[in-house]
Amino acid sequence: MSNLLERADEAIAESRRLQRQNQSLIAESRYWFQHLYWSLERVKVHPQSSPERTE
């Protein structure tokens, strides 16, 4: 019985660790999506700064 409780505690700890890791990855993804959005908006607002445009 104690072995079963120990395994349950380990599973709960692993679940919490994975939850923290997921939250961290979500925050990092949000950061990069915001950066990408800002970059795309900047190109849209200032197309002359885009390297493809040589006019």
Foldseek 3Di string as FASTA:
>chain_A
DVVVVVVVVVVVVVVVVVVVVVVVVVVVVVVVVVVVVVVVVCCVVPVVPDPVDDD
